[in-house]
Amino acid sequence: MKQADLGTLRVSRIGMGCMGMSDAYTGANSDEGESIRTIHRAIELGVTLIDTAEIYGPFTNEELVGRALRGRRDKVMVATKFGLWSYADGVPQLNSRPENVRLAVEASLRRLQTDHIDLYYQHRVDRNTPIEDTVGVLAELVAEGKVRHIGLSEAGVATIRRAHTVHPISAVQSEYSLWTRDPEDQLLPVLRELGIGFVAYSPLGRGLLTGTIRSASDFADNDVRTKNPRFMGENLDHNLRLAEQVHGIANEVGATPAQVAIAWLLTRGHDIVPIPGTKRVSRLEENVAADGVQLSASQVEALESLPPVAGEHHDEASMRLIER
């Protein structure tokens, strides 16, 4: 697989998101054996960036990744996140105070069964703790060898600039796909100015861009997409029509809609790494094969001319945590 650079961290240009193996989507927790086989197959295919977080589960996803990487730890870069602790009564709880970061990193190291984290993200910006204080303790963890590279997730450009003056930020993670193009206007230019890489989560639009979703009835009651505005009522109807257009372009390319959506992201720059999530070997193999999909200039133009998606990225409480 081709490579990409996240600051000074070199990784495969397609990574793997592990959240859905333990949290959030229909069928999570259904087959740990298949999830572990999927991680092993990803490594065989050249995927070197494995993404998790303490809140996924919570905690159980890091434990799963730790079990999967026994005997294989030296083959991958492990990314995890701290600071988004829970959703008490539906309200996100944030804590990035330095003393909490130290507790969090020790717990993640234990669950991941490793002595270092390759890329350690602040999951969401904690407005009650100066970013300089948080990055300051992360810099100490780098000096101690417990963390190799520092990342931010869903941070705004002002926060990124302030953080980067304390210690180099290697990567910023945010949602980016054919249907979520917000990063293009302000975020990506600043990251390129500073030499920071970009990790794109939900590159398949939480499944909408795969062409496999037909209606809201496809989701279990505990699937987080039932509360996502893009999967509700008229918004979903509109977005399913868009998915059909992606499917048409995929037929022209001779690839699946998921592969086309990932391949489009790969045209956006060598500093962008999508991390499609899956818990099945077959889907993992499909996603990774996007590395070999070539889009023509006219196909890229057709994809970029699609009408905007309907609905916000997340529910109201989660949107308040995203800096813009």
C-alpha atoms as a PDB file:
ATOM      1  CA  MET A   1       0.000   0.000   0.000  1.00  0.00           C
ATOM      2  CA  LYS A   2       1.111   3.544  -0.678  1.00  0.00           C
ATOM      3  CA  GLN A   3       2.183   5.651   2.292  1.00  0.00           C
ATOM      4  CA  ALA A   4       1.191   9.039   3.698  1.00  0.00           C
ATOM      5  CA  ASP A   5       2.795  11.443   6.139  1.00  0.00           C
ATOM      6  CA  LEU A   6       1.065  12.752   9.244  1.00  0.00           C
ATOM      7  CA  GLY A   7       3.630  15.332  10.229  1.00  0.00           C
ATOM      8  CA  THR A   8       6.700  13.169  10.863  1.00  0.00           C
ATOM      9  CA  LEU A   9       4.648   9.986  11.292  1.00  0.00           C
ATOM     10  CA  ARG A  10       4.576   7.793   8.176  1.00  0.00           C
ATOM     11  CA  VAL A  11       1.597   5.444   7.859  1.00  0.00           C
ATOM     12  CA  SER A  12      -0.385   3.571   5.228  1.00  0.00           C
ATOM     13  CA  ARG A  13      -2.538   6.008   3.304  1.00  0.00           C
ATOM     14  CA  ILE A  14      -5.633   4.040   4.306  1.00  0.00           C
ATOM     15  CA  GLY A  15      -5.978   3.332   8.006  1.00  0.00           C
ATOM     16  CA  MET A  16      -8.565   1.392   9.974  1.00  0.00           C
ATOM     17  CA  GLY A  17     -11.144   2.704  12.423  1.00  0.00           C
ATOM     18  CA  CYS A  18     -12.089   0.177  15.109  1.00  0.00           C
ATOM     19  CA  MET A  19     -14.973   1.942  16.884  1.00  0.00           C
ATOM     20  CA  GLY A  20     -17.724  -0.097  15.251  1.00  0.00           C
ATOM     21  CA  MET A  21     -16.273  -3.329  16.613  1.00  0.00           C
ATOM     22  CA  SER A  22     -17.313  -2.363  20.134  1.00  0.00           C
ATOM     23  CA  ASP A  23     -19.647   0.600  19.966  1.00  0.00           C
ATOM     24  CA  ALA A  24     -22.190   2.684  18.140  1.00  0.00           C
ATOM     25  CA  TYR A  25     -23.400   0.655  15.167  1.00  0.00           C
ATOM     26  CA  THR A  26     -25.693  -2.273  14.450  1.00  0.00           C
ATOM     27  CA  GLY A  27     -24.034  -5.534  15.432  1.00  0.00           C
ATOM     28  CA  ALA A  28     -21.309  -4.102  17.670  1.00  0.00           C
ATOM     29  CA  ASN A  29     -19.976  -6.713  20.097  1.00  0.00           C
ATOM     30  CA  SER A  30     -21.494  -9.455  17.952  1.00  0.00           C
ATOM     31  CA  ASP A  31     -18.342 -11.360  16.967  1.00  0.00           C
ATOM     32  CA  GLU A  32     -15.038 -10.539  18.630  1.00  0.00           C
ATOM     33  CA  GLY A  33     -13.304 -13.307  16.715  1.00  0.00           C
ATOM     34  CA  GLU A  34     -14.251 -11.760  13.381  1.00  0.00           C
ATOM     35  CA  SER A  35     -13.149  -8.344  14.603  1.00  0.00           C
ATOM     36  CA  ILE A  36      -9.727  -9.694  15.556  1.00  0.00           C
ATOM     37  CA  ARG A  37      -9.446 -11.509  12.221  1.00  0.00           C
ATOM     38  CA  THR A  38     -10.270  -8.223  10.514  1.00  0.00           C
ATOM     39  CA  ILE A  39      -7.440  -6.410  12.313  1.00  0.00           C
ATOM     40  CA  HIS A  40      -5.048  -9.226  11.450  1.00  0.00           C
ATOM     41  CA  ARG A  41      -6.102  -9.116   7.793  1.00  0.00           C
ATOM     42  CA  ALA A  42      -5.648  -5.340   7.740  1.00  0.00           C
ATOM     43  CA  ILE A  43      -2.046  -5.787   8.849  1.00  0.00           C
ATOM     44  CA  GLU A  44      -1.491  -8.459   6.166  1.00  0.00           C
ATOM     45  CA  LEU A  45      -2.749  -5.999   3.534  1.00  0.00           C
ATOM     46  CA  GLY A  46      -0.380  -3.256   4.636  1.00  0.00           C
ATOM     47  CA  VAL A  47      -2.602  -1.158   6.890  1.00  0.00           C
ATOM     48  CA  THR A  48      -0.360   0.362   9.564  1.00  0.00           C
ATOM     49  CA  LEU A  49      -2.642   2.898  11.295  1.00  0.00           C
ATOM     50  CA  ILE A  50      -5.114   1.364  13.772  1.00  0.00           C
ATOM     51  CA  ASP A  51      -7.481   3.884  15.391  1.00  0.00           C
ATOM     52  CA  THR A  52      -9.362   3.484  18.668  1.00  0.00           C
ATOM     53  CA  ALA A  53     -10.331   5.565  21.735  1.00  0.00           C
ATOM     54  CA  GLU A  54     -10.981   5.070  25.415  1.00  0.00           C
ATOM     55  CA  ILE A  55     -14.659   6.017  25.079  1.00  0.00           C
ATOM     56  CA  TYR A  56     -15.346   3.334  22.464  1.00  0.00           C
ATOM     57  CA  GLY A  57     -17.207   0.746  24.470  1.00  0.00           C
ATOM     58  CA  PRO A  58     -16.250   2.535  26.731  1.00  0.00           C
ATOM     59  CA  PHE A  59     -12.803   1.001  27.213  1.00  0.00           C
ATOM     60  CA  THR A  60     -13.619  -2.353  25.596  1.00  0.00           C
ATOM     61  CA  ASN A  61     -12.391  -1.334  22.138  1.00  0.00           C
ATOM     62  CA  GLU A  62      -8.896  -0.565  23.399  1.00  0.00           C
ATOM     63  CA  GLU A  63      -8.907  -3.946  25.135  1.00  0.00           C
ATOM     64  CA  LEU A  64      -9.984  -5.635  21.896  1.00  0.00           C
ATOM     65  CA  VAL A  65      -7.253  -3.881  19.913  1.00  0.00           C
ATOM     66  CA  GLY A  66      -4.719  -4.852  22.559  1.00  0.00           C
ATOM     67  CA  ARG A  67      -5.684  -8.519  22.276  1.00  0.00           C
ATOM     68  CA  ALA A  68      -5.610  -8.376  18.468  1.00  0.00           C
ATOM     69  CA  LEU A  69      -2.112  -6.885  18.397  1.00  0.00           C
ATOM     70  CA  ARG A  70      -0.418  -9.481  20.581  1.00  0.00           C
ATOM     71  CA  GLY A  71       2.667 -10.513  18.646  1.00  0.00           C
ATOM     72  CA  ARG A  72       1.958  -7.890  15.991  1.00  0.00           C
ATOM     73  CA  ARG A  73       2.462  -4.628  17.864  1.00  0.00           C
ATOM     74  CA  ASP A  74       5.629  -3.714  15.976  1.00  0.00           C
ATOM     75  CA  LYS A  75       3.804  -3.855  12.640  1.00  0.00           C
ATOM     76  CA  VAL A  76       1.384  -0.965  13.293  1.00  0.00           C
ATOM     77  CA  MET A  77       0.981   2.548  14.593  1.00  0.00           C
ATOM     78  CA  VAL A  78      -1.673   2.650  17.302  1.00  0.00           C
ATOM     79  CA  ALA A  79      -3.758   5.798  17.654  1.00  0.00           C
ATOM     80  CA  THR A  80      -6.086   6.346  20.589  1.00  0.00           C
ATOM     81  CA  LYS A  81      -7.851   9.280  22.208  1.00  0.00           C
ATOM     82  CA  PHE A  82      -8.511  10.731  25.650  1.00  0.00           C
ATOM     83  CA  GLY A  83     -10.628  13.401  27.263  1.00  0.00           C
ATOM     84  CA  LEU A  84     -14.179  12.516  26.173  1.00  0.00           C
ATOM     85  CA  TRP A  85     -15.158  10.464  29.171  1.00  0.00           C
ATOM     86  CA  SER A  86     -18.844   9.680  28.994  1.00  0.00           C
ATOM     87  CA  TYR A  87     -22.296  10.828  28.013  1.00  0.00           C
ATOM     88  CA  ALA A  88     -23.990  11.348  31.369  1.00  0.00           C
ATOM     89  CA  ASP A  89     -27.715  11.910  30.762  1.00  0.00           C
ATOM     90  CA  GLY A  90     -26.873  12.540  27.113  1.00  0.00           C
ATOM     91  CA  VAL A  91     -24.425  15.350  27.937  1.00  0.00           C
ATOM     92  CA  PRO A  92     -20.793  14.788  26.905  1.00  0.00           C
ATOM     93  CA  GLN A  93     -18.307  14.951  29.772  1.00  0.00           C
ATOM     94  CA  LEU A  94     -14.883  16.418  28.960  1.00  0.00           C
ATOM     95  CA  ASN A  95     -11.739  16.446  31.064  1.00  0.00           C
ATOM     96  CA  SER A  96      -8.294  17.263  29.664  1.00  0.00           C
ATOM     97  CA  ARG A  97      -6.680  18.575  32.837  1.00  0.00           C
ATOM     98  CA  PRO A  98      -3.023  17.513  32.991  1.00  0.00           C
ATOM     99  CA  GLU A  99      -3.513  15.179  35.965  1.00  0.00           C
ATOM    100  CA  ASN A 100      -6.375  13.487  34.152  1.00  0.00           C
ATOM    101  CA  VAL A 101      -4.326  13.059  30.980  1.00  0.00           C
ATOM    102  CA  ARG A 102      -1.676  11.201  32.975  1.00  0.00           C
ATOM    103  CA  LEU A 103      -4.290   8.867  34.437  1.00  0.00           C
ATOM    104  CA  ALA A 104      -5.806   8.342  30.994  1.00  0.00           C
ATOM    105  CA  VAL A 105      -2.563   7.448  29.243  1.00  0.00           C
ATOM    106  CA  GLU A 106      -1.637   4.871  31.879  1.00  0.00           C
ATOM    107  CA  ALA A 107      -5.059   3.251  31.577  1.00  0.00           C
ATOM    108  CA  SER A 108      -4.875   3.168  27.768  1.00  0.00           C
ATOM    109  CA  LEU A 109      -1.387   1.672  27.819  1.00  0.00           C
ATOM    110  CA  ARG A 110      -2.655  -1.063  30.132  1.00  0.00           C
ATOM    111  CA  ARG A 111      -5.711  -1.846  28.008  1.00  0.00           C
ATOM    112  CA  LEU A 112      -3.703  -1.792  24.776  1.00  0.00           C
ATOM    113  CA  GLN A 113      -1.001  -4.000  26.330  1.00  0.00           C
ATOM    114  CA  THR A 114       1.769  -1.733  25.072  1.00  0.00           C
ATOM    115  CA  ASP A 115       4.463   0.556  26.441  1.00  0.00           C
ATOM    116  CA  HIS A 116       3.759   3.444  24.076  1.00  0.00           C
ATOM    117  CA  ILE A 117       1.026   5.054  21.998  1.00  0.00           C
ATOM    118  CA  ASP A 118       2.107   6.133  18.532  1.00  0.00           C
ATOM    119  CA  LEU A 119      -0.509   8.870  18.072  1.00  0.00           C
ATOM    120  CA  TYR A 120      -2.381  10.229  21.096  1.00  0.00           C
ATOM    121  CA  TYR A 121      -5.299  12.546  20.372  1.00  0.00           C
ATOM    122  CA  GLN A 122      -7.284  14.890  22.537  1.00  0.00           C
ATOM    123  CA  HIS A 123     -10.710  13.569  21.556  1.00  0.00           C
ATOM    124  CA  ARG A 124     -12.529  16.891  21.887  1.00  0.00           C
ATOM    125  CA  VAL A 125     -11.289  20.305  22.971  1.00  0.00           C
ATOM    126  CA  ASP A 126     -11.940  20.909  26.672  1.00  0.00           C
ATOM    127  CA  ARG A 127     -12.822  24.586  26.906  1.00  0.00           C
ATOM    128  CA  ASN A 128     -12.306  24.526  30.672  1.00  0.00           C
ATOM    129  CA  THR A 129      -8.635  23.614  30.327  1.00  0.00           C
ATOM    130  CA  PRO A 130      -6.205  25.784  28.332  1.00  0.00           C
ATOM    131  CA  ILE A 131      -4.917  23.832  25.359  1.00  0.00           C
ATOM    132  CA  GLU A 132      -1.400  24.913  26.317  1.00  0.00           C
ATOM    133  CA  ASP A 133      -1.734  23.020  29.615  1.00  0.00           C
ATOM    134  CA  THR A 134      -3.012  19.872  27.929  1.00  0.00           C
ATOM    135  CA  VAL A 135      -0.369  19.864  25.212  1.00  0.00           C
ATOM    136  CA  GLY A 136       2.261  20.661  27.831  1.00  0.00           C
ATOM    137  CA  VAL A 137       1.621  17.400  29.658  1.00  0.00           C
ATOM    138  CA  LEU A 138       1.437  15.537  26.344  1.00  0.00           C
ATOM    139  CA  ALA A 139       4.888  16.929  25.512  1.00  0.00           C
ATOM    140  CA  GLU A 140       6.124  15.517  28.821  1.00  0.00           C
ATOM    141  CA  LEU A 141       4.676  12.128  27.881  1.00  0.00           C
ATOM    142  CA  VAL A 142       6.541  12.302  24.568  1.00  0.00           C
ATOM    143  CA  ALA A 143       9.775  13.032  26.437  1.00  0.00           C
ATOM    144  CA  GLU A 144       9.059  10.041  28.697  1.00  0.00           C
ATOM    145  CA  GLY A 145       8.527   7.743  25.690  1.00  0.00           C
ATOM    146  CA  LYS A 146       4.907   6.889  26.520  1.00  0.00           C
ATOM    147  CA  VAL A 147       3.573   8.851  23.542  1.00  0.00           C
ATOM    148  CA  ARG A 148       5.325   9.227  20.185  1.00  0.00           C
ATOM    149  CA  HIS A 149       3.127  11.797  18.394  1.00  0.00           C
ATOM    150  CA  ILE A 150       0.375  14.205  19.460  1.00  0.00           C
ATOM    151  CA  GLY A 151      -2.961  14.722  17.734  1.00  0.00           C
ATOM    152  CA  LEU A 152      -6.146  16.748  18.096  1.00  0.00           C
ATOM    153  CA  SER A 153      -9.654  15.734  17.090  1.00  0.00           C
ATOM    154  CA  GLU A 154     -12.321  18.202  15.919  1.00  0.00           C
ATOM    155  CA  ALA A 155     -10.231  21.202  16.967  1.00  0.00           C
ATOM    156  CA  GLY A 156     -10.598  24.617  15.354  1.00  0.00           C
ATOM    157  CA  VAL A 157      -7.759  26.442  13.636  1.00  0.00           C
ATOM    158  CA  ALA A 158      -7.111  28.862  16.534  1.00  0.00           C
ATOM    159  CA  THR A 159      -6.727  25.971  18.985  1.00  0.00           C
ATOM    160  CA  ILE A 160      -4.479  24.101  16.551  1.00  0.00           C
ATOM    161  CA  ARG A 161      -2.182  27.086  16.167  1.00  0.00           C
ATOM    162  CA  ARG A 162      -1.910  27.552  19.942  1.00  0.00           C
ATOM    163  CA  ALA A 163      -1.267  23.858  20.522  1.00  0.00           C
ATOM    164  CA  HIS A 164       1.374  23.693  17.801  1.00  0.00           C
ATOM    165  CA  THR A 165       3.431  26.418  19.508  1.00  0.00           C
ATOM    166  CA  VAL A 166       3.777  24.206  22.612  1.00  0.00           C
ATOM    167  CA  HIS A 167       4.705  20.965  20.808  1.00  0.00           C
ATOM    168  CA  PRO A 168       4.411  19.884  17.157  1.00  0.00           C
ATOM    169  CA  ILE A 169       1.005  18.446  16.351  1.00  0.00           C
ATOM    170  CA  SER A 170       1.315  15.520  13.948  1.00  0.00           C
ATOM    171  CA  ALA A 171      -2.328  15.031  12.960  1.00  0.00           C
ATOM    172  CA  VAL A 172      -5.794  16.470  13.280  1.00  0.00           C
ATOM    173  CA  GLN A 173      -8.759  14.123  12.968  1.00  0.00           C
ATOM    174  CA  SER A 174     -12.147  15.284  11.738  1.00  0.00           C
ATOM    175  CA  GLU A 175     -15.021  14.024   9.657  1.00  0.00           C
ATOM    176  CA  TYR A 176     -14.331  14.299   5.922  1.00  0.00           C
ATOM    177  CA  SER A 177     -16.015  12.624   2.994  1.00  0.00           C
ATOM    178  CA  LEU A 178     -17.814  13.394  -0.237  1.00  0.00           C
ATOM    179  CA  TRP A 179     -20.688  14.588   1.941  1.00  0.00           C
ATOM    180  CA  THR A 180     -18.764  16.338   4.693  1.00  0.00           C
ATOM    181  CA  ARG A 181     -16.404  18.784   3.066  1.00  0.00           C
ATOM    182  CA  ASP A 182     -16.189  21.382   5.839  1.00  0.00           C
ATOM    183  CA  PRO A 183     -12.416  20.922   6.357  1.00  0.00           C
ATOM    184  CA  GLU A 184     -11.607  22.230   2.900  1.00  0.00           C
ATOM    185  CA  ASP A 185     -12.302  25.908   3.510  1.00  0.00           C
ATOM    186  CA  GLN A 186     -10.183  26.753   6.567  1.00  0.00           C
ATOM    187  CA  LEU A 187      -8.805  23.661   8.262  1.00  0.00           C
ATOM    188  CA  LEU A 188      -6.788  21.987   5.520  1.00  0.00           C
ATOM    189  CA  PRO A 189      -4.974  25.174   4.432  1.00  0.00           C
ATOM    190  CA  VAL A 190      -3.829  25.792   8.029  1.00  0.00           C
ATOM    191  CA  LEU A 191      -2.720  22.195   8.499  1.00  0.00           C
ATOM    192  CA  ARG A 192      -0.647  22.363   5.329  1.00  0.00           C
ATOM    193  CA  GLU A 193       0.858  25.654   6.411  1.00  0.00           C
ATOM    194  CA  LEU A 194       1.953  24.050   9.692  1.00  0.00           C
ATOM    195  CA  GLY A 195       2.973  20.662   8.272  1.00  0.00           C
ATOM    196  CA  ILE A 196       0.217  18.744  10.091  1.00  0.00           C
ATOM    197  CA  GLY A 197      -1.458  15.684   8.578  1.00  0.00           C
ATOM    198  CA  PHE A 198      -5.200  15.050   8.394  1.00  0.00           C
ATOM    199  CA  VAL A 199      -7.021  11.861   9.428  1.00  0.00           C
ATOM    200  CA  ALA A 200     -10.522  11.557   7.961  1.00  0.00           C
ATOM    201  CA  TYR A 201     -13.057   9.655  10.039  1.00  0.00           C
ATOM    202  CA  SER A 202     -16.414   8.506   8.639  1.00  0.00           C
ATOM    203  CA  PRO A 203     -15.079   8.615   5.043  1.00  0.00           C
ATOM    204  CA  LEU A 204     -18.062   6.467   4.021  1.00  0.00           C
ATOM    205  CA  GLY A 205     -20.652   8.781   5.567  1.00  0.00           C
ATOM    206  CA  ARG A 206     -21.404   6.276   8.365  1.00  0.00           C
ATOM    207  CA  GLY A 207     -22.385   3.770   5.721  1.00  0.00           C
ATOM    208  CA  LEU A 208     -24.525   6.035   3.554  1.00  0.00           C
ATOM    209  CA  LEU A 209     -21.886   6.165   0.834  1.00  0.00           C
ATOM    210  CA  THR A 210     -21.568   2.380   0.617  1.00  0.00           C
ATOM    211  CA  GLY A 211     -24.909   1.972  -1.135  1.00  0.00           C
ATOM    212  CA  THR A 212     -25.940  -0.769   1.301  1.00  0.00           C
ATOM    213  CA  ILE A 213     -28.372   1.279   3.407  1.00  0.00           C
ATOM    214  CA  ARG A 214     -31.942   1.372   2.149  1.00  0.00           C
ATOM    215  CA  SER A 215     -33.986   2.732   5.059  1.00  0.00           C
ATOM    216  CA  ALA A 216     -33.908   3.588   8.765  1.00  0.00           C
ATOM    217  CA  SER A 217     -35.262   0.088   9.444  1.00  0.00           C
ATOM    218  CA  ASP A 218     -31.800  -1.243   8.642  1.00  0.00           C
ATOM    219  CA  PHE A 219     -30.611  -0.057  12.079  1.00  0.00           C
ATOM    220  CA  ALA A 220     -31.080  -1.625  15.507  1.00  0.00           C
ATOM    221  CA  ASP A 221     -32.600   0.552  18.232  1.00  0.00           C
ATOM    222  CA  ASN A 222     -29.199   1.058  19.875  1.00  0.00           C
ATOM    223  CA  ASP A 223     -27.491   2.136  16.648  1.00  0.00           C
ATOM    224  CA  VAL A 224     -26.295   5.746  17.051  1.00  0.00           C
ATOM    225  CA  ARG A 225     -27.404   6.543  13.507  1.00  0.00           C
ATOM    226  CA  THR A 226     -31.034   6.484  14.642  1.00  0.00           C
ATOM    227  CA  LYS A 227     -30.266   9.799  16.392  1.00  0.00           C
ATOM    228  CA  ASN A 228     -28.203  11.292  13.582  1.00  0.00           C
ATOM    229  CA  PRO A 229     -30.033  13.975  11.552  1.00  0.00           C
ATOM    230  CA  ARG A 230     -28.685  12.609   8.286  1.00  0.00           C
ATOM    231  CA  PHE A 231     -30.543   9.357   8.842  1.00  0.00           C
ATOM    232  CA  MET A 232     -33.913  10.869   9.746  1.00  0.00           C
ATOM    233  CA  GLY A 233     -37.068  11.352   7.664  1.00  0.00           C
ATOM    234  CA  GLU A 234     -36.749  13.507   4.560  1.00  0.00           C
ATOM    235  CA  ASN A 235     -33.021  13.961   5.154  1.00  0.00           C
ATOM    236  CA  LEU A 236     -32.475  10.234   4.762  1.00  0.00           C
ATOM    237  CA  ASP A 237     -34.641  10.112   1.632  1.00  0.00           C
ATOM    238  CA  HIS A 238     -32.579  12.917   0.083  1.00  0.00           C
ATOM    239  CA  ASN A 239     -29.286  11.313   1.060  1.00  0.00           C
ATOM    240  CA  LEU A 240     -30.267   7.913  -0.289  1.00  0.00           C
ATOM    241  CA  ARG A 241     -30.896   9.537  -3.658  1.00  0.00           C
ATOM    242  CA  LEU A 242     -27.391  10.971  -3.528  1.00  0.00           C
ATOM    243  CA  ALA A 243     -26.041   7.529  -2.709  1.00  0.00           C
ATOM    244  CA  GLU A 244     -27.640   6.235  -5.884  1.00  0.00           C
ATOM    245  CA  GLN A 245     -25.685   8.833  -7.865  1.00  0.00           C
ATOM    246  CA  VAL A 246     -22.437   7.643  -6.261  1.00  0.00           C
ATOM    247  CA  HIS A 247     -23.436   4.094  -7.170  1.00  0.00           C
ATOM    248  CA  GLY A 248     -23.836   5.149 -10.795  1.00  0.00           C
ATOM    249  CA  ILE A 249     -20.338   6.627 -10.901  1.00  0.00           C
ATOM    250  CA  ALA A 250     -18.975   3.502  -9.200  1.00  0.00           C
ATOM    251  CA  ASN A 251     -20.470   1.353 -11.980  1.00  0.00           C
ATOM    252  CA  GLU A 252     -18.668   3.527 -14.509  1.00  0.00           C
ATOM    253  CA  VAL A 253     -15.377   3.163 -12.634  1.00  0.00           C
ATOM    254  CA  GLY A 254     -15.795  -0.593 -12.159  1.00  0.00           C
ATOM    255  CA  ALA A 255     -15.569  -0.369  -8.378  1.00  0.00           C
ATOM    256  CA  THR A 256     -17.905  -0.336  -5.391  1.00  0.00           C
ATOM    257  CA  PRO A 257     -19.390   2.913  -4.070  1.00  0.00           C
ATOM    258  CA  ALA A 258     -17.284   2.562  -0.901  1.00  0.00           C
ATOM    259  CA  GLN A 259     -14.105   2.230  -2.942  1.00  0.00           C
ATOM    260  CA  VAL A 260     -14.995   5.288  -4.999  1.00  0.00           C
ATOM    261  CA  ALA A 261     -15.692   7.351  -1.884  1.00  0.00           C
ATOM    262  CA  ILE A 262     -12.307   6.402  -0.391  1.00  0.00           C
ATOM    263  CA  ALA A 263     -10.483   6.841  -3.696  1.00  0.00           C
ATOM    264  CA  TRP A 264     -11.919  10.347  -3.989  1.00  0.00           C
ATOM    265  CA  LEU A 265     -10.477  11.236  -0.576  1.00  0.00           C
ATOM    266  CA  LEU A 266      -7.102   9.908  -1.688  1.00  0.00           C
ATOM    267  CA  THR A 267      -7.126  12.442  -4.549  1.00  0.00           C
ATOM    268  CA  ARG A 268      -7.305  15.288  -2.022  1.00  0.00           C
ATOM    269  CA  GLY A 269      -3.652  15.095  -0.975  1.00  0.00           C
ATOM    270  CA  HIS A 270      -0.834  12.852   0.235  1.00  0.00           C
ATOM    271  CA  ASP A 271      -1.296  14.197   3.763  1.00  0.00           C
ATOM    272  CA  ILE A 272      -4.864  12.865   4.123  1.00  0.00           C
ATOM    273  CA  VAL A 273      -5.481   9.406   5.598  1.00  0.00           C
ATOM    274  CA  PRO A 274      -9.049   8.040   5.654  1.00  0.00           C
ATOM    275  CA  ILE A 275      -9.828   5.520   8.390  1.00  0.00           C
ATOM    276  CA  PRO A 276     -12.905   3.602   7.231  1.00  0.00           C
ATOM    277  CA  GLY A 277     -14.315   1.468  10.003  1.00  0.00           C
ATOM    278  CA  THR A 278     -15.473  -2.106   9.735  1.00  0.00           C
ATOM    279  CA  LYS A 279     -15.688  -5.275  11.769  1.00  0.00           C
ATOM    280  CA  ARG A 280     -15.696  -7.729   8.858  1.00  0.00           C
ATOM    281  CA  VAL A 281     -12.822  -9.082   6.785  1.00  0.00           C
ATOM    282  CA  SER A 282     -14.782  -8.793   3.527  1.00  0.00           C
ATOM    283  CA  ARG A 283     -15.489  -5.084   4.049  1.00  0.00           C
ATOM    284  CA  LEU A 284     -11.906  -4.462   5.117  1.00  0.00           C
ATOM    285  CA  GLU A 285     -10.632  -6.032   1.897  1.00  0.00           C
ATOM    286  CA  GLU A 286     -13.073  -3.933  -0.122  1.00  0.00           C
ATOM    287  CA  ASN A 287     -11.961  -0.722   1.592  1.00  0.00           C
ATOM    288  CA  VAL A 288      -8.240  -1.401   1.230  1.00  0.00           C
ATOM    289  CA  ALA A 289      -8.655  -2.168  -2.480  1.00  0.00           C
ATOM    290  CA  ALA A 290      -9.549   1.518  -2.939  1.00  0.00           C
ATOM    291  CA  ASP A 291      -5.783   2.117  -2.862  1.00  0.00           C
ATOM    292  CA  GLY A 292      -5.703   0.822  -6.439  1.00  0.00           C
ATOM    293  CA  VAL A 293      -8.780   2.627  -7.788  1.00  0.00           C
ATOM    294  CA  GLN A 294      -7.994   5.367 -10.303  1.00  0.00           C
ATOM    295  CA  LEU A 295     -10.555   8.116 -10.885  1.00  0.00           C
ATOM    296  CA  SER A 296     -10.495  10.185 -14.049  1.00  0.00           C
ATOM    297  CA  ALA A 297     -10.682  13.971 -13.913  1.00  0.00           C
ATOM    298  CA  SER A 298     -14.276  13.836 -15.179  1.00  0.00           C
ATOM    299  CA  GLN A 299     -15.254  11.292 -12.535  1.00  0.00           C
ATOM    300  CA  VAL A 300     -13.718  13.409  -9.774  1.00  0.00           C
ATOM    301  CA  GLU A 301     -15.602  16.411 -11.132  1.00  0.00           C
ATOM    302  CA  ALA A 302     -18.864  14.458 -11.168  1.00  0.00           C
ATOM    303  CA  LEU A 303     -18.369  13.380  -7.569  1.00  0.00           C
ATOM    304  CA  GLU A 304     -17.557  16.898  -6.442  1.00  0.00           C
ATOM    305  CA  SER A 305     -20.659  18.218  -8.212  1.00  0.00           C
ATOM    306  CA  LEU A 306     -23.039  16.120  -6.126  1.00  0.00           C
ATOM    307  CA  PRO A 307     -25.627  18.193  -4.223  1.00  0.00           C
ATOM    308  CA  PRO A 308     -24.948  18.791  -0.518  1.00  0.00           C
ATOM    309  CA  VAL A 309     -25.991  16.179   1.999  1.00  0.00           C
ATOM    310  CA  ALA A 310     -29.058  16.968   4.129  1.00  0.00           C
ATOM    311  CA  GLY A 311     -28.695  17.186   7.902  1.00  0.00           C
ATOM    312  CA  GLU A 312     -25.954  17.970  10.403  1.00  0.00           C
ATOM    313  CA  HIS A 313     -23.044  15.595  11.109  1.00  0.00           C
ATOM    314  CA  HIS A 314     -24.195  14.719  14.649  1.00  0.00           C
ATOM    315  CA  ASP A 315     -26.973  15.355  17.131  1.00  0.00           C
ATOM    316  CA  GLU A 316     -27.095  18.759  18.836  1.00  0.00           C
ATOM    317  CA  ALA A 317     -25.095  17.776  21.932  1.00  0.00           C
ATOM    318  CA  SER A 318     -22.248  16.312  19.884  1.00  0.00           C
ATOM    319  CA  MET A 319     -22.172  19.245  17.463  1.00  0.00           C
ATOM    320  CA  ARG A 320     -21.477  21.590  20.381  1.00  0.00           C
ATOM    321  CA  LEU A 321     -18.163  19.784  20.918  1.00  0.00           C
ATOM    322  CA  ILE A 322     -16.875  20.487  17.423  1.00  0.00           C
ATOM    323  CA  GLU A 323     -14.797  23.622  17.025  1.00  0.00           C
ATOM    324  CA  ARG A 324     -15.188  25.572  13.793  1.00  0.00           C
END
